[in-house]
Amino acid sequence: MNIERIQLKGQLAEAKSKYKHLDTEAAGLILLIRSLLNPFEDDTTKLDIEKALVQFQRLQTIVLELRILKDKIQKLEEYFGE
């Protein structure tokens, strides 16, 4: 097996690992945002919008990164015929 192929296999494994990590973080952020934006709160002035906004911005960053990783993984898997 040539060096380039080994490097690409390593990149694929790293991309999959990072994808799983970010996907887990995104799921946690979604739960956190839902708890911060409690729909059962009668007084909307008590909602912690600032915290929710920060978490939502992080979620947006993660989703963009996940899309890039998904595309990279797909291309590498096609290259290897997986």
C-alpha atoms as a PDB file:
ATOM      1  CA  MET A   1       0.000   0.000   0.000  1.00  0.00           C
ATOM      2  CA  ASN A   2       1.493   3.328  -0.963  1.00  0.00           C
ATOM      3  CA  ILE A   3       2.103   6.203   1.424  1.00  0.00           C
ATOM      4  CA  GLU A   4      -0.553   8.460  -0.113  1.00  0.00           C
ATOM      5  CA  ARG A   5      -3.264   5.836   0.329  1.00  0.00           C
ATOM      6  CA  ILE A   6      -2.268   5.304   3.958  1.00  0.00           C
ATOM      7  CA  GLN A   7      -2.423   9.062   4.582  1.00  0.00           C
ATOM      8  CA  LEU A   8      -5.870   9.267   3.027  1.00  0.00           C
ATOM      9  CA  LYS A   9      -7.075   6.352   5.190  1.00  0.00           C
ATOM     10  CA  GLY A  10      -5.799   8.263   8.209  1.00  0.00           C
ATOM     11  CA  GLN A  11      -7.649  11.394   7.101  1.00  0.00           C
ATOM     12  CA  LEU A  12     -10.834   9.383   6.679  1.00  0.00           C
ATOM     13  CA  ALA A  13     -10.554   7.885  10.165  1.00  0.00           C
ATOM     14  CA  GLU A  14      -9.813  11.311  11.661  1.00  0.00           C
ATOM     15  CA  ALA A  15     -12.754  12.929   9.837  1.00  0.00           C
ATOM     16  CA  LYS A  16     -15.137  10.198  11.034  1.00  0.00           C
ATOM     17  CA  SER A  17     -13.925  10.565  14.613  1.00  0.00           C
ATOM     18  CA  LYS A  18     -14.282  14.348  14.546  1.00  0.00           C
ATOM     19  CA  TYR A  19     -17.736  14.028  12.965  1.00  0.00           C
ATOM     20  CA  LYS A  20     -18.935  11.747  15.770  1.00  0.00           C
ATOM     21  CA  HIS A  21     -17.553  14.106  18.422  1.00  0.00           C
ATOM     22  CA  LEU A  22     -19.185  17.185  16.873  1.00  0.00           C
ATOM     23  CA  ASP A  23     -22.469  15.355  16.302  1.00  0.00           C
ATOM     24  CA  THR A  24     -22.589  14.445  19.987  1.00  0.00           C
ATOM     25  CA  GLU A  25     -21.804  18.032  20.980  1.00  0.00           C
ATOM     26  CA  ALA A  26     -24.560  19.302  18.673  1.00  0.00           C
ATOM     27  CA  ALA A  27     -27.102  16.952  20.250  1.00  0.00           C
ATOM     28  CA  GLY A  28     -26.149  18.246  23.689  1.00  0.00           C
ATOM     29  CA  LEU A  29     -26.460  21.852  22.552  1.00  0.00           C
ATOM     30  CA  ILE A  30     -29.919  21.202  21.156  1.00  0.00           C
ATOM     31  CA  LEU A  31     -31.045  19.845  24.528  1.00  0.00           C
ATOM     32  CA  LEU A  32     -29.485  22.809  26.331  1.00  0.00           C
ATOM     33  CA  ILE A  33     -31.111  25.346  24.001  1.00  0.00           C
ATOM     34  CA  ARG A  34     -34.491  23.664  24.481  1.00  0.00           C
ATOM     35  CA  SER A  35     -34.118  23.886  28.238  1.00  0.00           C
ATOM     36  CA  LEU A  36     -33.132  27.560  28.050  1.00  0.00           C
ATOM     37  CA  LEU A  37     -36.136  28.334  25.836  1.00  0.00           C
ATOM     38  CA  ASN A  38     -38.669  26.614  28.046  1.00  0.00           C
ATOM     39  CA  PRO A  39     -42.033  26.840  26.223  1.00  0.00           C
ATOM     40  CA  PHE A  40     -43.885  26.392  29.508  1.00  0.00           C
ATOM     41  CA  GLU A  41     -42.482  29.581  31.044  1.00  0.00           C
ATOM     42  CA  ASP A  42     -45.349  32.012  31.497  1.00  0.00           C
ATOM     43  CA  ASP A  43     -43.124  35.066  31.815  1.00  0.00           C
ATOM     44  CA  THR A  44     -40.980  35.330  28.668  1.00  0.00           C
ATOM     45  CA  THR A  45     -38.799  37.962  30.341  1.00  0.00           C
ATOM     46  CA  LYS A  46     -37.396  35.164  32.520  1.00  0.00           C
ATOM     47  CA  LEU A  47     -36.008  33.258  29.526  1.00  0.00           C
ATOM     48  CA  ASP A  48     -32.225  33.317  29.323  1.00  0.00           C
ATOM     49  CA  ILE A  49     -32.044  34.463  25.704  1.00  0.00           C
ATOM     50  CA  GLU A  50     -28.396  35.532  25.936  1.00  0.00           C
ATOM     51  CA  LYS A  51     -27.235  32.051  26.947  1.00  0.00           C
ATOM     52  CA  ALA A  52     -29.444  30.466  24.301  1.00  0.00           C
ATOM     53  CA  LEU A  53     -27.998  32.777  21.650  1.00  0.00           C
ATOM     54  CA  VAL A  54     -24.413  31.850  22.542  1.00  0.00           C
ATOM     55  CA  GLN A  55     -25.279  28.156  22.425  1.00  0.00           C
ATOM     56  CA  PHE A  56     -27.144  28.576  19.152  1.00  0.00           C
ATOM     57  CA  GLN A  57     -24.168  30.342  17.573  1.00  0.00           C
ATOM     58  CA  ARG A  58     -21.927  27.431  18.630  1.00  0.00           C
ATOM     59  CA  LEU A  59     -24.499  25.008  17.197  1.00  0.00           C
ATOM     60  CA  GLN A  60     -24.485  26.904  13.905  1.00  0.00           C
ATOM     61  CA  THR A  61     -20.682  26.661  13.733  1.00  0.00           C
ATOM     62  CA  ILE A  62     -20.813  22.936  14.456  1.00  0.00           C
ATOM     63  CA  VAL A  63     -23.483  22.284  11.817  1.00  0.00           C
ATOM     64  CA  LEU A  64     -21.407  24.076   9.177  1.00  0.00           C
ATOM     65  CA  GLU A  65     -18.356  22.039  10.157  1.00  0.00           C
ATOM     66  CA  LEU A  66     -20.392  18.815  10.111  1.00  0.00           C
ATOM     67  CA  ARG A  67     -21.523  19.558   6.549  1.00  0.00           C
ATOM     68  CA  ILE A  68     -17.913  20.032   5.438  1.00  0.00           C
ATOM     69  CA  LEU A  69     -16.817  16.836   7.196  1.00  0.00           C
ATOM     70  CA  LYS A  70     -19.723  14.862   5.741  1.00  0.00           C
ATOM     71  CA  ASP A  71     -18.714  15.908   2.236  1.00  0.00           C
ATOM     72  CA  LYS A  72     -15.056  15.041   2.908  1.00  0.00           C
ATOM     73  CA  ILE A  73     -15.982  11.629   4.334  1.00  0.00           C
ATOM     74  CA  GLN A  74     -18.227  10.895   1.374  1.00  0.00           C
ATOM     75  CA  LYS A  75     -15.491  11.779  -1.131  1.00  0.00           C
ATOM     76  CA  LEU A  76     -12.880   9.703   0.683  1.00  0.00           C
ATOM     77  CA  GLU A  77     -15.230   6.724   0.975  1.00  0.00           C
ATOM     78  CA  GLU A  78     -15.995   6.955  -2.745  1.00  0.00           C
ATOM     79  CA  TYR A  79     -12.245   6.985  -3.431  1.00  0.00           C
ATOM     80  CA  PHE A  80     -11.777   3.829  -1.402  1.00  0.00           C
ATOM     81  CA  GLY A  81     -14.979   2.224  -2.692  1.00  0.00           C
ATOM     82  CA  GLU A  82     -16.524   1.950   0.770  1.00  0.00           C
END
